[in-house]
């Protein structure tokens, strides 16, 4: 199983993680039906200066673009 955590702390949220979360939900529902993915929101990850942040299996990615997210998800 893959775990994806999206930081929803105020800094990451206003820097675009609201859109990142929506993108991930949509992409996963349409393209990853054969993979078990746990998609979670989390509180501040204390990396505000580099945010917005997401974590895939505890590896942090800072301000990923939708293209980068697509590439990461295709590798799952």
C-alpha atoms as a PDB file:
ATOM      1  CA  UNK A   1       0.000   0.000   0.000  1.00  0.00           C
ATOM      2  CA  UNK A   2       1.135   3.541  -0.765  1.00  0.00           C
ATOM      3  CA  UNK A   3       0.411   6.375   1.640  1.00  0.00           C
ATOM      4  CA  UNK A   4       0.184   9.942   0.367  1.00  0.00           C
ATOM      5  CA  UNK A   5      -0.109  12.751   2.903  1.00  0.00           C
ATOM      6  CA  UNK A   6      -0.957  16.276   1.815  1.00  0.00           C
ATOM      7  CA  UNK A   7       0.007  19.006   4.261  1.00  0.00           C
ATOM      8  CA  UNK A   8      -3.072  21.105   4.928  1.00  0.00           C
ATOM      9  CA  UNK A   9      -1.432  23.530   7.343  1.00  0.00           C
ATOM     10  CA  UNK A  10      -2.387  27.126   6.584  1.00  0.00           C
ATOM     11  CA  UNK A  11       0.840  27.991   4.737  1.00  0.00           C
ATOM     12  CA  UNK A  12       0.772  24.940   2.451  1.00  0.00           C
ATOM     13  CA  UNK A  13      -2.972  25.258   1.942  1.00  0.00           C
ATOM     14  CA  UNK A  14      -2.819  28.849   0.703  1.00  0.00           C
ATOM     15  CA  UNK A  15       0.219  28.031  -1.437  1.00  0.00           C
ATOM     16  CA  UNK A  16      -1.835  25.547  -3.427  1.00  0.00           C
ATOM     17  CA  UNK A  17      -2.223  22.265  -1.581  1.00  0.00           C
ATOM     18  CA  UNK A  18      -5.996  22.633  -1.766  1.00  0.00           C
ATOM     19  CA  UNK A  19      -5.582  22.258  -5.544  1.00  0.00           C
ATOM     20  CA  UNK A  20      -2.983  19.522  -5.110  1.00  0.00           C
ATOM     21  CA  UNK A  21      -5.381  17.504  -2.975  1.00  0.00           C
ATOM     22  CA  UNK A  22      -8.176  17.906  -5.544  1.00  0.00           C
ATOM     23  CA  UNK A  23      -5.788  16.876  -8.339  1.00  0.00           C
ATOM     24  CA  UNK A  24      -4.646  13.783  -6.437  1.00  0.00           C
ATOM     25  CA  UNK A  25      -8.207  12.714  -5.604  1.00  0.00           C
ATOM     26  CA  UNK A  26      -9.263  13.071  -9.232  1.00  0.00           C
ATOM     27  CA  UNK A  27      -6.177  11.403 -10.707  1.00  0.00           C
ATOM     28  CA  UNK A  28      -6.248   8.461  -8.304  1.00  0.00           C
ATOM     29  CA  UNK A  29      -9.970   7.820  -8.809  1.00  0.00           C
ATOM     30  CA  UNK A  30      -9.569   7.804 -12.600  1.00  0.00           C
ATOM     31  CA  UNK A  31      -6.201   6.111 -13.060  1.00  0.00           C
ATOM     32  CA  UNK A  32      -5.143   3.997 -10.099  1.00  0.00           C
ATOM     33  CA  UNK A  33      -8.010   1.574  -9.564  1.00  0.00           C
ATOM     34  CA  UNK A  34      -5.613  -1.388  -9.373  1.00  0.00           C
ATOM     35  CA  UNK A  35      -3.351   0.121  -6.677  1.00  0.00           C
ATOM     36  CA  UNK A  36      -4.116   0.606  -2.989  1.00  0.00           C
ATOM     37  CA  UNK A  37      -3.439   4.226  -2.090  1.00  0.00           C
ATOM     38  CA  UNK A  38      -4.252   5.833   1.234  1.00  0.00           C
ATOM     39  CA  UNK A  39      -4.686   9.571   0.656  1.00  0.00           C
ATOM     40  CA  UNK A  40      -4.598  11.647   3.829  1.00  0.00           C
ATOM     41  CA  UNK A  41      -4.498  15.255   4.868  1.00  0.00           C
ATOM     42  CA  UNK A  42      -2.130  16.192   7.669  1.00  0.00           C
ATOM     43  CA  UNK A  43      -1.473  19.183   9.881  1.00  0.00           C
ATOM     44  CA  UNK A  44       1.557  21.403   9.490  1.00  0.00           C
ATOM     45  CA  UNK A  45       4.661  19.451   8.494  1.00  0.00           C
ATOM     46  CA  UNK A  46       6.992  22.183   9.807  1.00  0.00           C
ATOM     47  CA  UNK A  47       8.502  22.772   6.377  1.00  0.00           C
ATOM     48  CA  UNK A  48       6.539  25.949   5.669  1.00  0.00           C
ATOM     49  CA  UNK A  49       9.455  27.750   4.019  1.00  0.00           C
ATOM     50  CA  UNK A  50       9.668  25.028   1.335  1.00  0.00           C
ATOM     51  CA  UNK A  51       5.946  24.309   0.985  1.00  0.00           C
ATOM     52  CA  UNK A  52       3.540  23.298  -0.111  1.00  0.00           C
ATOM     53  CA  UNK A  53       4.578  19.797   0.865  1.00  0.00           C
ATOM     54  CA  UNK A  54       3.294  16.330   0.200  1.00  0.00           C
ATOM     55  CA  UNK A  55       4.657  13.017   1.431  1.00  0.00           C
ATOM     56  CA  UNK A  56       4.625   9.752  -0.476  1.00  0.00           C
ATOM     57  CA  UNK A  57       5.531   6.895   1.862  1.00  0.00           C
ATOM     58  CA  UNK A  58       7.142   9.483   4.175  1.00  0.00           C
ATOM     59  CA  UNK A  59       9.374  10.994   1.465  1.00  0.00           C
ATOM     60  CA  UNK A  60       8.708  14.736   1.271  1.00  0.00           C
ATOM     61  CA  UNK A  61       8.168  16.557  -2.019  1.00  0.00           C
ATOM     62  CA  UNK A  62       8.193  20.356  -1.966  1.00  0.00           C
ATOM     63  CA  UNK A  63       5.820  22.300  -4.238  1.00  0.00           C
ATOM     64  CA  UNK A  64       5.280  19.482  -6.768  1.00  0.00           C
ATOM     65  CA  UNK A  65       3.687  20.421 -10.071  1.00  0.00           C
ATOM     66  CA  UNK A  66       0.782  18.409 -11.461  1.00  0.00           C
ATOM     67  CA  UNK A  67       3.191  17.019 -14.051  1.00  0.00           C
ATOM     68  CA  UNK A  68       5.593  15.869 -11.341  1.00  0.00           C
ATOM     69  CA  UNK A  69       2.715  14.349  -9.369  1.00  0.00           C
ATOM     70  CA  UNK A  70       1.546  12.480 -12.462  1.00  0.00           C
ATOM     71  CA  UNK A  71       5.046  11.064 -12.971  1.00  0.00           C
ATOM     72  CA  UNK A  72       5.272  10.024  -9.304  1.00  0.00           C
ATOM     73  CA  UNK A  73       1.853   8.371  -9.395  1.00  0.00           C
ATOM     74  CA  UNK A  74       2.637   6.531 -12.622  1.00  0.00           C
ATOM     75  CA  UNK A  75       5.583   4.957 -10.820  1.00  0.00           C
ATOM     76  CA  UNK A  76       3.335   3.357  -8.198  1.00  0.00           C
END
